PDB file of N, CA and C in Angstrom:
ATOM      1  N   MET A   1     -36.446 -75.845 -11.166  1.00  0.00           N
ATOM      2  CA  MET A   1     -37.053 -74.682 -11.794  1.00  0.00           C
ATOM      3  C   MET A   1     -38.058 -75.110 -12.860  1.00  0.00           C
ATOM      4  N   LEU A   2     -37.681 -76.106 -13.662  1.00  0.00           N
ATOM      5  CA  LEU A   2     -38.565 -76.582 -14.715  1.00  0.00           C
ATOM      6  C   LEU A   2     -39.827 -77.197 -14.112  1.00  0.00           C
ATOM      7  N   ASP A   3     -39.684 -77.899 -12.987  1.00  0.00           N
ATOM      8  CA  ASP A   3     -40.858 -78.464 -12.316  1.00  0.00           C
ATOM      9  C   ASP A   3     -41.796 -77.367 -11.833  1.00  0.00           C
ATOM     10  N   ASP A   4     -41.239 -76.266 -11.338  1.00  0.00           N
ATOM     11  CA  ASP A   4     -42.066 -75.152 -10.868  1.00  0.00           C
ATOM     12  C   ASP A   4     -42.828 -74.514 -12.022  1.00  0.00           C
ATOM     13  N   VAL A   5     -42.146 -74.324 -13.141  1.00  0.00           N
ATOM     14  CA  VAL A   5     -42.802 -73.732 -14.310  1.00  0.00           C
ATOM     15  C   VAL A   5     -43.881 -74.672 -14.836  1.00  0.00           C
ATOM     16  N   THR A   6     -43.576 -75.959 -14.859  1.00  0.00           N
ATOM     17  CA  THR A   6     -44.560 -76.934 -15.316  1.00  0.00           C
ATOM     18  C   THR A   6     -45.798 -76.913 -14.425  1.00  0.00           C
ATOM     19  N   ARG A   7     -45.585 -76.893 -13.131  1.00  0.00           N
ATOM     20  CA  ARG A   7     -46.691 -76.846 -12.175  1.00  0.00           C
ATOM     21  C   ARG A   7     -47.504 -75.555 -12.358  1.00  0.00           C
ATOM     22  N   LEU A   8     -46.801 -74.454 -12.587  1.00  0.00           N
ATOM     23  CA  LEU A   8     -47.464 -73.173 -12.785  1.00  0.00           C
ATOM     24  C   LEU A   8     -48.339 -73.199 -14.039  1.00  0.00           C
ATOM     25  N   VAL A   9     -47.821 -73.757 -15.114  1.00  0.00           N
ATOM     26  CA  VAL A   9     -48.594 -73.860 -16.358  1.00  0.00           C
ATOM     27  C   VAL A   9     -49.813 -74.759 -16.138  1.00  0.00           C
ATOM     28  N   GLU A  10     -49.627 -75.855 -15.418  1.00  0.00           N
ATOM     29  CA  GLU A  10     -50.756 -76.742 -15.128  1.00  0.00           C
ATOM     30  C   GLU A  10     -51.815 -76.022 -14.296  1.00  0.00           C
ATOM     31  N   ASP A  11     -51.379 -75.225 -13.318  1.00  0.00           N
ATOM     32  CA  ASP A  11     -52.325 -74.469 -12.495  1.00  0.00           C
ATOM     33  C   ASP A  11     -53.099 -73.448 -13.321  1.00  0.00           C
ATOM     34  N   HIS A  12     -52.404 -72.767 -14.236  1.00  0.00           N
ATOM     35  CA  HIS A  12     -53.078 -71.790 -15.104  1.00  0.00           C
ATOM     36  C   HIS A  12     -54.087 -72.498 -16.005  1.00  0.00           C
ATOM     37  N   TRP A  13     -53.715 -73.645 -16.515  1.00  0.00           N
ATOM     38  CA  TRP A  13     -54.615 -74.405 -17.385  1.00  0.00           C
ATOM     39  C   TRP A  13     -55.859 -74.837 -16.605  1.00  0.00           C
ATOM     40  N   THR A  14     -55.666 -75.291 -15.396  1.00  0.00           N
ATOM     41  CA  THR A  14     -56.793 -75.699 -14.561  1.00  0.00           C
ATOM     42  C   THR A  14     -57.708 -74.517 -14.260  1.00  0.00           C
ATOM     43  N   LEU A  15     -57.126 -73.389 -13.917  1.00  0.00           N
ATOM     44  CA  LEU A  15     -57.924 -72.182 -13.641  1.00  0.00           C
ATOM     45  C   LEU A  15     -58.723 -71.770 -14.879  1.00  0.00           C
ATOM     46  N   ALA A  16     -58.093 -71.807 -16.030  1.00  0.00           N
ATOM     47  CA  ALA A  16     -58.783 -71.428 -17.272  1.00  0.00           C
ATOM     48  C   ALA A  16     -59.959 -72.360 -17.551  1.00  0.00           C
ATOM     49  N   ARG A  17     -59.754 -73.654 -17.373  1.00  0.00           N
ATOM     50  CA  ARG A  17     -60.844 -74.611 -17.604  1.00  0.00           C
ATOM     51  C   ARG A  17     -61.996 -74.388 -16.630  1.00  0.00           C
ATOM     52  N   LEU A  18     -61.675 -74.173 -15.355  1.00  0.00           N
ATOM     53  CA  LEU A  18     -62.717 -73.949 -14.355  1.00  0.00           C
ATOM     54  C   LEU A  18     -63.498 -72.668 -14.639  1.00  0.00           C
ATOM     55  N   GLU A  19     -62.777 -71.626 -14.989  1.00  0.00           N
ATOM     56  CA  GLU A  19     -63.436 -70.348 -15.255  1.00  0.00           C
ATOM     57  C   GLU A  19     -64.309 -70.440 -16.502  1.00  0.00           C
ATOM     58  N   LEU A  20     -63.819 -71.095 -17.528  1.00  0.00           N
ATOM     59  CA  LEU A  20     -64.586 -71.231 -18.759  1.00  0.00           C
ATOM     60  C   LEU A  20     -65.826 -72.091 -18.536  1.00  0.00           C
ATOM     61  N   SER A  21     -65.686 -73.188 -17.812  1.00  0.00           N
ATOM     62  CA  SER A  21     -66.849 -74.042 -17.572  1.00  0.00           C
ATOM     63  C   SER A  21     -67.885 -73.328 -16.710  1.00  0.00           C
ATOM     64  N   ASP A  22     -67.435 -72.530 -15.751  1.00  0.00           N
ATOM     65  CA  ASP A  22     -68.366 -71.764 -14.916  1.00  0.00           C
ATOM     66  C   ASP A  22     -69.135 -70.750 -15.763  1.00  0.00           C
ATOM     67  N   GLY A  23     -68.440 -70.037 -16.630  1.00  0.00           N
ATOM     68  CA  GLY A  23     -69.094 -69.059 -17.502  1.00  0.00           C
ATOM     69  C   GLY A  23     -70.070 -69.708 -18.466  1.00  0.00           C
ATOM     70  N   LEU A  24     -69.678 -70.858 -19.017  1.00  0.00           N
ATOM     71  CA  LEU A  24     -70.572 -71.554 -19.944  1.00  0.00           C
ATOM     72  C   LEU A  24     -71.799 -72.097 -19.222  1.00  0.00           C
ATOM     73  N   ARG A  25     -71.615 -72.582 -18.006  1.00  0.00           N
ATOM     74  CA  ARG A  25     -72.744 -73.100 -17.235  1.00  0.00           C
ATOM     75  C   ARG A  25     -73.760 -71.986 -16.965  1.00  0.00           C
ATOM     76  N   GLN A  26     -73.267 -70.824 -16.577  1.00  0.00           N
ATOM     77  CA  GLN A  26     -74.163 -69.704 -16.310  1.00  0.00           C
ATOM     78  C   GLN A  26     -74.863 -69.243 -17.586  1.00  0.00           C
ATOM     79  N   SER A  27     -74.134 -69.188 -18.666  1.00  0.00           N
ATOM     80  CA  SER A  27     -74.707 -68.716 -19.924  1.00  0.00           C
ATOM     81  C   SER A  27     -75.663 -69.732 -20.541  1.00  0.00           C
ATOM     82  N   SER A  28     -75.441 -71.022 -20.320  1.00  0.00           N
ATOM     83  CA  SER A  28     -76.284 -72.037 -20.952  1.00  0.00           C
ATOM     84  C   SER A  28     -77.717 -71.974 -20.429  1.00  0.00           C
ATOM     85  N   GLY A  29     -77.904 -71.711 -19.143  1.00  0.00           N
ATOM     86  CA  GLY A  29     -79.258 -71.578 -18.611  1.00  0.00           C
ATOM     87  C   GLY A  29     -79.971 -70.392 -19.225  1.00  0.00           C
ATOM     88  N   ASP A  30     -79.267 -69.276 -19.333  1.00  0.00           N
ATOM     89  CA  ASP A  30     -79.859 -68.087 -19.953  1.00  0.00           C
ATOM     90  C   ASP A  30     -80.192 -68.343 -21.419  1.00  0.00           C
ATOM     91  N   LEU A  31     -79.290 -69.029 -22.100  1.00  0.00           N
ATOM     92  CA  LEU A  31     -79.507 -69.323 -23.512  1.00  0.00           C
ATOM     93  C   LEU A  31     -80.704 -70.248 -23.699  1.00  0.00           C
ATOM     94  N   GLY A  32     -80.864 -71.226 -22.825  1.00  0.00           N
ATOM     95  CA  GLY A  32     -82.016 -72.124 -22.901  1.00  0.00           C
ATOM     96  C   GLY A  32     -83.330 -71.394 -22.712  1.00  0.00           C
ATOM     97  N   ARG A  33     -83.371 -70.508 -21.725  1.00  0.00           N
ATOM     98  CA  ARG A  33     -84.587 -69.719 -21.506  1.00  0.00           C
ATOM     99  C   ARG A  33     -84.880 -68.818 -22.698  1.00  0.00           C
ATOM    100  N   LEU A  34     -83.841 -68.227 -23.252  1.00  0.00           N
ATOM    101  CA  LEU A  34     -84.019 -67.361 -24.413  1.00  0.00           C
ATOM    102  C   LEU A  34     -84.533 -68.151 -25.611  1.00  0.00           C
ATOM    103  N   LEU A  35     -84.015 -69.335 -25.822  1.00  0.00           N
ATOM    104  CA  LEU A  35     -84.459 -70.164 -26.937  1.00  0.00           C
ATOM    105  C   LEU A  35     -85.912 -70.590 -26.757  1.00  0.00           C
ATOM    106  N   GLY A  36     -86.278 -70.965 -25.547  1.00  0.00           N
ATOM    107  CA  GLY A  36     -87.669 -71.342 -25.290  1.00  0.00           C
ATOM    108  C   GLY A  36     -88.622 -70.186 -25.539  1.00  0.00           C
ATOM    109  N   ALA A  37     -88.248 -69.010 -25.068  1.00  0.00           N
ATOM    110  CA  ALA A  37     -89.083 -67.835 -25.290  1.00  0.00           C
ATOM    111  C   ALA A  37     -89.181 -67.512 -26.773  1.00  0.00           C
ATOM    112  N   ALA A  38     -88.086 -67.652 -27.481  1.00  0.00           N
ATOM    113  CA  ALA A  38     -88.094 -67.345 -28.913  1.00  0.00           C
ATOM    114  C   ALA A  38     -88.997 -68.302 -29.685  1.00  0.00           C
ATOM    115  N   LEU A  39     -88.949 -69.578 -29.341  1.00  0.00           N
ATOM    116  CA  LEU A  39     -89.784 -70.551 -30.052  1.00  0.00           C
ATOM    117  C   LEU A  39     -91.264 -70.325 -29.781  1.00  0.00           C
ATOM    118  N   CYS A  40     -91.608 -70.058 -28.526  1.00  0.00           N
ATOM    119  CA  CYS A  40     -93.016 -69.793 -28.197  1.00  0.00           C
ATOM    120  C   CYS A  40     -93.489 -68.489 -28.826  1.00  0.00           C
ATOM    121  N   GLY A  41     -92.659 -67.483 -28.772  1.00  0.00           N
ATOM    122  CA  GLY A  41     -93.035 -66.183 -29.308  1.00  0.00           C
ATOM    123  C   GLY A  41     -93.094 -66.149 -30.819  1.00  0.00           C
ATOM    124  N   LEU A  42     -92.345 -67.018 -31.478  1.00  0.00           N
ATOM    125  CA  LEU A  42     -92.293 -67.015 -32.935  1.00  0.00           C
ATOM    126  C   LEU A  42     -93.655 -67.315 -33.556  1.00  0.00           C
ATOM    127  N   VAL A  43     -94.372 -68.262 -32.998  1.00  0.00           N
ATOM    128  CA  VAL A  43     -95.694 -68.610 -33.537  1.00  0.00           C
ATOM    129  C   VAL A  43     -96.654 -67.434 -33.385  1.00  0.00           C
ATOM    130  N   GLY A  44     -96.713 -66.873 -32.191  1.00  0.00           N
ATOM    131  CA  GLY A  44     -97.592 -65.720 -31.970  1.00  0.00           C
ATOM    132  C   GLY A  44     -97.195 -64.527 -32.818  1.00  0.00           C
ATOM    133  N   TYR A  45     -95.907 -64.339 -32.970  1.00  0.00           N
ATOM    134  CA  TYR A  45     -95.423 -63.221 -33.770  1.00  0.00           C
ATOM    135  C   TYR A  45     -95.822 -63.382 -35.239  1.00  0.00           C
ATOM    136  N   GLY A  46     -95.731 -64.595 -35.736  1.00  0.00           N
ATOM    137  CA  GLY A  46     -96.126 -64.851 -37.125  1.00  0.00           C
ATOM    138  C   GLY A  46     -97.594 -64.539 -37.372  1.00  0.00           C
ATOM    139  N   PHE A  47     -98.448 -64.977 -36.430  1.00  0.00           N
ATOM    140  CA  PHE A  47     -99.875 -64.676 -36.569  1.00  0.00           C
ATOM    141  C   PHE A  47    -100.148 -63.182 -36.466  1.00  0.00           C
ATOM    142  N   THR A  48     -99.455 -62.519 -35.572  1.00  0.00           N
ATOM    143  CA  THR A  48     -99.650 -61.077 -35.405  1.00  0.00           C
ATOM    144  C   THR A  48     -99.238 -60.324 -36.671  1.00  0.00           C
ATOM    145  N   CYS A  49     -98.097 -60.682 -37.224  1.00  0.00           N
ATOM    146  CA  CYS A  49     -97.647 -60.027 -38.466  1.00  0.00           C
ATOM    147  C   CYS A  49     -98.617 -60.294 -39.610  1.00  0.00           C
ATOM    148  N   SER A  50     -99.136 -61.509 -39.686  1.00  0.00           N
ATOM    149  CA  SER A  50    -100.116 -61.819 -40.738  1.00  0.00           C
ATOM    150  C   SER A  50    -101.371 -60.982 -40.570  1.00  0.00           C
ATOM    151  N   GLY A  51    -101.835 -60.856 -39.327  1.00  0.00           N
ATOM    152  CA  GLY A  51    -103.024 -60.042 -39.062  1.00  0.00           C
ATOM    153  C   GLY A  51    -102.816 -58.586 -39.428  1.00  0.00           C
ATOM    154  N   VAL A  52    -101.655 -58.050 -39.082  1.00  0.00           N
ATOM    155  CA  VAL A  52    -101.350 -56.657 -39.422  1.00  0.00           C
ATOM    156  C   VAL A  52    -101.307 -56.480 -40.937  1.00  0.00           C
ATOM    157  N   ALA A  53    -100.711 -57.450 -41.632  1.00  0.00           N
ATOM    158  CA  ALA A  53    -100.630 -57.353 -43.093  1.00  0.00           C
ATOM    159  C   ALA A  53    -102.015 -57.409 -43.725  1.00  0.00           C
ATOM    160  N   VAL A  54    -102.893 -58.241 -43.185  1.00  0.00           N
ATOM    161  CA  VAL A  54    -104.259 -58.324 -43.727  1.00  0.00           C
ATOM    162  C   VAL A  54    -104.997 -56.996 -43.532  1.00  0.00           C
ATOM    163  N   VAL A  55    -104.875 -56.406 -42.337  1.00  0.00           N
ATOM    164  CA  VAL A  55    -105.534 -55.132 -42.063  1.00  0.00           C
ATOM    165  C   VAL A  55    -104.963 -54.036 -42.970  1.00  0.00           C
ATOM    166  N   LEU A  56    -103.638 -53.990 -43.103  1.00  0.00           N
ATOM    167  CA  LEU A  56    -103.014 -52.976 -43.959  1.00  0.00           C
ATOM    168  C   LEU A  56    -103.356 -53.187 -45.427  1.00  0.00           C
ATOM    169  N   ALA A  57    -103.534 -54.441 -45.839  1.00  0.00           N
ATOM    170  CA  ALA A  57    -103.830 -54.737 -47.243  1.00  0.00           C
ATOM    171  C   ALA A  57    -105.150 -54.109 -47.676  1.00  0.00           C
ATOM    172  N   GLU A  58    -106.075 -53.977 -46.756  1.00  0.00           N
ATOM    173  CA  GLU A  58    -107.354 -53.346 -47.086  1.00  0.00           C
ATOM    174  C   GLU A  58    -107.178 -51.858 -47.401  1.00  0.00           C
ATOM    175  N   ARG A  59    -106.142 -51.239 -46.836  1.00  0.00           N
ATOM    176  CA  ARG A  59    -105.937 -49.794 -47.022  1.00  0.00           C
ATOM    177  C   ARG A  59    -104.903 -49.470 -48.102  1.00  0.00           C
ATOM    178  N   ILE A  60    -103.792 -50.233 -48.143  1.00  0.00           N
ATOM    179  CA  ILE A  60    -102.709 -49.877 -49.075  1.00  0.00           C
ATOM    180  C   ILE A  60    -102.390 -50.976 -50.083  1.00  0.00           C
ATOM    181  N   GLY A  61    -103.126 -52.039 -50.089  1.00  0.00           N
ATOM    182  CA  GLY A  61    -102.883 -53.123 -51.025  1.00  0.00           C
ATOM    183  C   GLY A  61    -101.969 -54.188 -50.415  1.00  0.00           C
ATOM    184  N   THR A  62    -102.066 -55.372 -50.974  1.00  0.00           N
ATOM    185  CA  THR A  62    -101.328 -56.516 -50.436  1.00  0.00           C
ATOM    186  C   THR A  62     -99.819 -56.326 -50.532  1.00  0.00           C
ATOM    187  N   THR A  63     -99.336 -55.870 -51.673  1.00  0.00           N
ATOM    188  CA  THR A  63     -97.896 -55.701 -51.853  1.00  0.00           C
ATOM    189  C   THR A  63     -97.327 -54.686 -50.876  1.00  0.00           C
ATOM    190  N   GLY A  64     -97.968 -53.541 -50.764  1.00  0.00           N
ATOM    191  CA  GLY A  64     -97.503 -52.512 -49.837  1.00  0.00           C
ATOM    192  C   GLY A  64     -97.543 -52.982 -48.399  1.00  0.00           C
ATOM    193  N   ALA A  65     -98.592 -53.708 -48.041  1.00  0.00           N
ATOM    194  CA  ALA A  65     -98.730 -54.204 -46.669  1.00  0.00           C
ATOM    195  C   ALA A  65     -97.612 -55.199 -46.336  1.00  0.00           C
ATOM    196  N   LEU A  66     -97.319 -56.096 -47.267  1.00  0.00           N
ATOM    197  CA  LEU A  66     -96.265 -57.088 -47.028  1.00  0.00           C
ATOM    198  C   LEU A  66     -94.895 -56.422 -46.910  1.00  0.00           C
ATOM    199  N   PHE A  67     -94.637 -55.436 -47.767  1.00  0.00           N
ATOM    200  CA  PHE A  67     -93.360 -54.723 -47.670  1.00  0.00           C
ATOM    201  C   PHE A  67     -93.262 -53.929 -46.371  1.00  0.00           C
ATOM    202  N   MET A  68     -94.355 -53.326 -45.939  1.00  0.00           N
ATOM    203  CA  MET A  68     -94.328 -52.534 -44.709  1.00  0.00           C
ATOM    204  C   MET A  68     -94.067 -53.445 -43.494  1.00  0.00           C
ATOM    205  N   VAL A  69     -94.779 -54.549 -43.418  1.00  0.00           N
ATOM    206  CA  VAL A  69     -94.588 -55.470 -42.289  1.00  0.00           C
ATOM    207  C   VAL A  69     -93.193 -56.096 -42.350  1.00  0.00           C
ATOM    208  N   GLY A  70     -92.759 -56.475 -43.533  1.00  0.00           N
ATOM    209  CA  GLY A  70     -91.415 -57.047 -43.684  1.00  0.00           C
ATOM    210  C   GLY A  70     -90.325 -56.054 -43.327  1.00  0.00           C
ATOM    211  N   GLY A  71     -90.482 -54.803 -43.749  1.00  0.00           N
ATOM    212  CA  GLY A  71     -89.496 -53.764 -43.424  1.00  0.00           C
ATOM    213  C   GLY A  71     -89.413 -53.497 -41.933  1.00  0.00           C
ATOM    214  N   ALA A  72     -90.569 -53.467 -41.287  1.00  0.00           N
ATOM    215  CA  ALA A  72     -90.576 -53.270 -39.832  1.00  0.00           C
ATOM    216  C   ALA A  72     -89.861 -54.429 -39.132  1.00  0.00           C
ATOM    217  N   ASN A  73     -90.089 -55.625 -39.622  1.00  0.00           N
ATOM    218  CA  ASN A  73     -89.407 -56.792 -39.043  1.00  0.00           C
ATOM    219  C   ASN A  73     -87.895 -56.713 -39.243  1.00  0.00           C
ATOM    220  N   LEU A  74     -87.469 -56.251 -40.398  1.00  0.00           N
ATOM    221  CA  LEU A  74     -86.034 -56.106 -40.647  1.00  0.00           C
ATOM    222  C   LEU A  74     -85.404 -55.091 -39.696  1.00  0.00           C
ATOM    223  N   LEU A  75     -86.089 -53.981 -39.477  1.00  0.00           N
ATOM    224  CA  LEU A  75     -85.566 -52.973 -38.552  1.00  0.00           C
ATOM    225  C   LEU A  75     -85.428 -53.533 -37.135  1.00  0.00           C
ATOM    226  N   VAL A  76     -86.432 -54.255 -36.694  1.00  0.00           N
ATOM    227  CA  VAL A  76     -86.374 -54.864 -35.357  1.00  0.00           C
ATOM    228  C   VAL A  76     -85.235 -55.881 -35.291  1.00  0.00           C
ATOM    229  N   ALA A  77     -85.073 -56.678 -36.333  1.00  0.00           N
ATOM    230  CA  ALA A  77     -84.009 -57.684 -36.357  1.00  0.00           C
ATOM    231  C   ALA A  77     -82.630 -57.043 -36.294  1.00  0.00           C
ATOM    232  N   VAL A  78     -82.429 -55.965 -37.019  1.00  0.00           N
ATOM    233  CA  VAL A  78     -81.139 -55.269 -37.001  1.00  0.00           C
ATOM    234  C   VAL A  78     -80.869 -54.689 -35.612  1.00  0.00           C
ATOM    235  N   ALA A  79     -81.880 -54.081 -35.012  1.00  0.00           N
ATOM    236  CA  ALA A  79     -81.703 -53.505 -33.678  1.00  0.00           C
ATOM    237  C   ALA A  79     -81.388 -54.577 -32.642  1.00  0.00           C
ATOM    238  N   LEU A  80     -82.121 -55.681 -32.664  1.00  0.00           N
ATOM    239  CA  LEU A  80     -81.860 -56.765 -31.712  1.00  0.00           C
ATOM    240  C   LEU A  80     -80.499 -57.411 -31.953  1.00  0.00           C
ATOM    241  N   GLY A  81     -80.131 -57.558 -33.211  1.00  0.00           N
ATOM    242  CA  GLY A  81     -78.819 -58.129 -33.530  1.00  0.00           C
ATOM    243  C   GLY A  81     -77.682 -57.252 -33.036  1.00  0.00           C
ATOM    244  N   ALA A  82     -77.819 -55.952 -33.212  1.00  0.00           N
ATOM    245  CA  ALA A  82     -76.791 -55.021 -32.738  1.00  0.00           C
ATOM    246  C   ALA A  82     -76.697 -55.045 -31.216  1.00  0.00           C
ATOM    247  N   TRP A  83     -77.841 -55.088 -30.560  1.00  0.00           N
ATOM    248  CA  TRP A  83     -77.864 -55.121 -29.092  1.00  0.00           C
ATOM    249  C   TRP A  83     -77.221 -56.403 -28.568  1.00  0.00           C
ATOM    250  N   GLY A  84     -77.578 -57.543 -29.161  1.00  0.00           N
ATOM    251  CA  GLY A  84     -77.004 -58.820 -28.732  1.00  0.00           C
ATOM    252  C   GLY A  84     -75.505 -58.894 -28.975  1.00  0.00           C
ATOM    253  N   THR A  85     -75.064 -58.393 -30.104  1.00  0.00           N
ATOM    254  CA  THR A  85     -73.634 -58.379 -30.415  1.00  0.00           C
ATOM    255  C   THR A  85     -72.866 -57.519 -29.425  1.00  0.00           C
ATOM    256  N   GLN A  86     -73.425 -56.376 -29.096  1.00  0.00           N
ATOM    257  CA  GLN A  86     -72.783 -55.475 -28.141  1.00  0.00           C
ATOM    258  C   GLN A  86     -72.652 -56.147 -26.773  1.00  0.00           C
ATOM    259  N   ARG A  87     -73.686 -56.833 -26.331  1.00  0.00           N
ATOM    260  CA  ARG A  87     -73.634 -57.503 -25.029  1.00  0.00           C
ATOM    261  C   ARG A  87     -72.617 -58.645 -25.040  1.00  0.00           C
ATOM    262  N   LEU A  88     -72.536 -59.373 -26.129  1.00  0.00           N
ATOM    263  CA  LEU A  88     -71.567 -60.470 -26.202  1.00  0.00           C
ATOM    264  C   LEU A  88     -70.132 -59.954 -26.201  1.00  0.00           C
ATOM    265  N   LYS A  89     -69.905 -58.818 -26.841  1.00  0.00           N
ATOM    266  CA  LYS A  89     -68.556 -58.250 -26.868  1.00  0.00           C
ATOM    267  C   LYS A  89     -68.120 -57.760 -25.497  1.00  0.00           C
ATOM    268  N   ARG A  90     -69.089 -57.344 -24.667  1.00  0.00           N
ATOM    269  CA  ARG A  90     -68.760 -56.842 -23.327  1.00  0.00           C
ATOM    270  C   ARG A  90     -68.415 -57.956 -22.346  1.00  0.00           C
ATOM    271  N   ARG A  91     -68.828 -59.163 -22.641  1.00  0.00           N
ATOM    272  CA  ARG A  91     -68.568 -60.278 -21.731  1.00  0.00           C
ATOM    273  C   ARG A  91     -67.075 -60.553 -21.684  1.00  0.00           C
ATOM    274  N   ARG A  92     -66.538 -60.639 -20.488  1.00  0.00           N
ATOM    275  CA  ARG A  92     -65.103 -60.863 -20.310  1.00  0.00           C
ATOM    276  C   ARG A  92     -64.869 -62.325 -19.959  1.00  0.00           C
ATOM    277  N   TRP A  93     -64.558 -63.128 -20.955  1.00  0.00           N
ATOM    278  CA  TRP A  93     -64.267 -64.536 -20.752  1.00  0.00           C
ATOM    279  C   TRP A  93     -62.849 -64.676 -20.207  1.00  0.00           C
ATOM    280  N   LEU A  94     -62.671 -65.551 -19.276  1.00  0.00           N
ATOM    281  CA  LEU A  94     -61.359 -65.894 -18.707  1.00  0.00           C
ATOM    282  C   LEU A  94     -60.651 -64.702 -18.079  1.00  0.00           C
ATOM    283  N   SER A  95     -61.388 -63.778 -17.495  1.00  0.00           N
ATOM    284  CA  SER A  95     -60.765 -62.583 -16.924  1.00  0.00           C
ATOM    285  C   SER A  95     -59.862 -62.926 -15.739  1.00  0.00           C
ATOM    286  N   ARG A  96     -60.291 -63.848 -14.878  1.00  0.00           N
ATOM    287  CA  ARG A  96     -59.445 -64.219 -13.736  1.00  0.00           C
ATOM    288  C   ARG A  96     -58.174 -64.911 -14.199  1.00  0.00           C
ATOM    289  N   THR A  97     -58.289 -65.713 -15.239  1.00  0.00           N
ATOM    290  CA  THR A  97     -57.116 -66.394 -15.777  1.00  0.00           C
ATOM    291  C   THR A  97     -56.123 -65.388 -16.348  1.00  0.00           C
ATOM    292  N   ALA A  98     -56.625 -64.384 -17.050  1.00  0.00           N
ATOM    293  CA  ALA A  98     -55.748 -63.362 -17.618  1.00  0.00           C
ATOM    294  C   ALA A  98     -55.014 -62.595 -16.519  1.00  0.00           C
ATOM    295  N   VAL A  99     -55.710 -62.283 -15.430  1.00  0.00           N
ATOM    296  CA  VAL A  99     -55.080 -61.570 -14.315  1.00  0.00           C
ATOM    297  C   VAL A  99     -53.983 -62.428 -13.696  1.00  0.00           C
ATOM    298  N   GLU A 100     -54.281 -63.707 -13.469  1.00  0.00           N
ATOM    299  CA  GLU A 100     -53.279 -64.607 -12.888  1.00  0.00           C
ATOM    300  C   GLU A 100     -52.081 -64.777 -13.816  1.00  0.00           C
ATOM    301  N   LEU A 101     -52.337 -64.871 -15.102  1.00  0.00           N
ATOM    302  CA  LEU A 101     -51.251 -65.018 -16.066  1.00  0.00           C
ATOM    303  C   LEU A 101     -50.369 -63.779 -16.084  1.00  0.00           C
ATOM    304  N   ASP A 102     -50.969 -62.594 -16.030  1.00  0.00           N
ATOM    305  CA  ASP A 102     -50.189 -61.354 -15.971  1.00  0.00           C
ATOM    306  C   ASP A 102     -49.335 -61.297 -14.708  1.00  0.00           C
ATOM    307  N   ARG A 103     -49.923 -61.708 -13.593  1.00  0.00           N
ATOM    308  CA  ARG A 103     -49.167 -61.716 -12.335  1.00  0.00           C
ATOM    309  C   ARG A 103     -47.986 -62.685 -12.409  1.00  0.00           C
ATOM    310  N   THR A 104     -48.193 -63.827 -13.022  1.00  0.00           N
ATOM    311  CA  THR A 104     -47.123 -64.815 -13.150  1.00  0.00           C
ATOM    312  C   THR A 104     -46.003 -64.298 -14.038  1.00  0.00           C
ATOM    313  N   VAL A 105     -46.373 -63.698 -15.163  1.00  0.00           N
ATOM    314  CA  VAL A 105     -45.361 -63.156 -16.076  1.00  0.00           C
ATOM    315  C   VAL A 105     -44.551 -62.077 -15.374  1.00  0.00           C
ATOM    316  N   SER A 106     -45.234 -61.207 -14.637  1.00  0.00           N
ATOM    317  CA  SER A 106     -44.531 -60.153 -13.908  1.00  0.00           C
ATOM    318  C   SER A 106     -43.592 -60.739 -12.865  1.00  0.00           C
ATOM    319  N   ALA A 107     -44.054 -61.757 -12.158  1.00  0.00           N
ATOM    320  CA  ALA A 107     -43.216 -62.384 -11.133  1.00  0.00           C
ATOM    321  C   ALA A 107     -42.007 -63.063 -11.757  1.00  0.00           C
ATOM    322  N   LEU A 108     -42.200 -63.715 -12.889  1.00  0.00           N
ATOM    323  CA  LEU A 108     -41.081 -64.381 -13.555  1.00  0.00           C
ATOM    324  C   LEU A 108     -40.063 -63.369 -14.089  1.00  0.00           C
ATOM    325  N   LYS A 109     -40.561 -62.255 -14.603  1.00  0.00           N
ATOM    326  CA  LYS A 109     -39.648 -61.231 -15.121  1.00  0.00           C
ATOM    327  C   LYS A 109     -38.834 -60.592 -13.997  1.00  0.00           C
ATOM    328  N   SER A 110     -39.451 -60.410 -12.848  1.00  0.00           N
ATOM    329  CA  SER A 110     -38.751 -59.734 -11.757  1.00  0.00           C
ATOM    330  C   SER A 110     -37.812 -60.654 -10.984  1.00  0.00           C
ATOM    331  N   SER A 111     -37.881 -61.964 -11.242  1.00  0.00           N
ATOM    332  CA  SER A 111     -37.034 -62.889 -10.491  1.00  0.00           C
ATOM    333  C   SER A 111     -35.643 -63.045 -11.101  1.00  0.00           C
ATOM    334  N   GLY A 112     -35.331 -62.307 -12.125  1.00  0.00           N
ATOM    335  CA  GLY A 112     -33.991 -62.345 -12.714  1.00  0.00           C
ATOM    336  C   GLY A 112     -33.940 -63.197 -13.959  1.00  0.00           C
ATOM    337  N   PRO A 113     -32.731 -63.389 -14.502  1.00  0.00           N
ATOM    338  CA  PRO A 113     -32.591 -64.149 -15.734  1.00  0.00           C
ATOM    339  C   PRO A 113     -32.964 -65.628 -15.506  1.00  0.00           C
ATOM    340  N   GLN A 114     -33.677 -66.169 -16.460  1.00  0.00           N
ATOM    341  CA  GLN A 114     -34.130 -67.549 -16.365  1.00  0.00           C
ATOM    342  C   GLN A 114     -33.458 -68.361 -17.457  1.00  0.00           C
ATOM    343  N   PRO A 115     -33.133 -69.628 -17.177  1.00  0.00           N
ATOM    344  CA  PRO A 115     -32.577 -70.474 -18.231  1.00  0.00           C
ATOM    345  C   PRO A 115     -33.653 -70.727 -19.294  1.00  0.00           C
ATOM    346  N   GLU A 116     -33.200 -70.863 -20.522  1.00  0.00           N
ATOM    347  CA  GLU A 116     -34.146 -71.075 -21.610  1.00  0.00           C
ATOM    348  C   GLU A 116     -34.679 -72.494 -21.517  1.00  0.00           C
ATOM    349  N   LEU A 117     -35.995 -72.611 -21.701  1.00  0.00           N
ATOM    350  CA  LEU A 117     -36.633 -73.917 -21.653  1.00  0.00           C
ATOM    351  C   LEU A 117     -36.422 -74.629 -22.985  1.00  0.00           C
ATOM    352  N   PRO A 118     -36.252 -75.941 -22.939  1.00  0.00           N
ATOM    353  CA  PRO A 118     -36.105 -76.678 -24.210  1.00  0.00           C
ATOM    354  C   PRO A 118     -37.381 -76.620 -25.017  1.00  0.00           C
ATOM    355  N   ARG A 119     -37.259 -76.456 -26.302  1.00  0.00           N
ATOM    356  CA  ARG A 119     -38.404 -76.396 -27.192  1.00  0.00           C
ATOM    357  C   ARG A 119     -38.545 -77.742 -27.876  1.00  0.00           C
ATOM    358  N   GLY A 120     -39.785 -78.087 -28.094  1.00  0.00           N
ATOM    359  CA  GLY A 120     -39.929 -79.365 -28.777  1.00  0.00           C
ATOM    360  C   GLY A 120     -41.254 -79.824 -28.925  1.00  0.00           C
TER     361      GLY A 120
END
């Protein structure tokens, strides 16, 4: 019985590692593309914001223009941060492992009383 439980735990551990590595592999490519786009876009974005601030400075003054451009950037950052956080929370890591673990627990409970495993 102890050998069966040990084998079962090893199988669950293997499944968890495989599922986690698969999820990380898929996410790493997306993350790399996102990072590349962010780095390229950052330079252009900086120049664009500077240009907008210069144009606005002619109408509302330098201080007002800088605050307006900075405030708009903060709003965009908050919106993107909220969107990214929401998407990350929806991702179900190790979902197959959790299902298998639930099935195992149910099977063990329904098989009757089990001897207590030694702790140590």
